Amino acid sequence: QVRLVESGGGSVQPGESLRLSCAASGGTLDHYVIGWFRRAPGSERTPVSCISIGDGSPYYEDYVKGRFIISRGNAPVTVSLQMNNLKPEDTGVYYCAAAPLISTVKNICWERGMDYWGKGTPVTVSQ
């Protein structure tokens, strides 16, 4: 059983930055993909970015390319999401999720592809 705990959410103004962290435990995480998903107000949960824990290969949704950076650390396993130049549309609850690496990172990085979820951390971007 993989356990995921998010931290780092908060309220910022447009153009500012936040760094989210996900602490992962349980399982042989070297062969897992861990990623970040967002549920905007009134919307479904959608992918933001994912990373292979083994080789660090990242995947980004188009709307965050050039603004967000995902990275991972080992022992203990953590996955961070550096969010720069935040926009009001980035507002939502951000969830950390994990799944075994059984395909490419891009193919796994969608809601139904993930097996384990954290409880989420809220991010608000407003003036």
Foldseek 3Di string as FASTA:
>chain_A
DKAKAKDWADEEAAQAKTKMKIFIDDDPQLQKKKAKWWDAVPGDIWGAKIARNNPGDIDGDPVQPPFWDWGWDVPPIMIMIIGGRDDQVVWGWMKMFMDGNPDDNVVLRTDVSTDDIYPTDGHGYHD
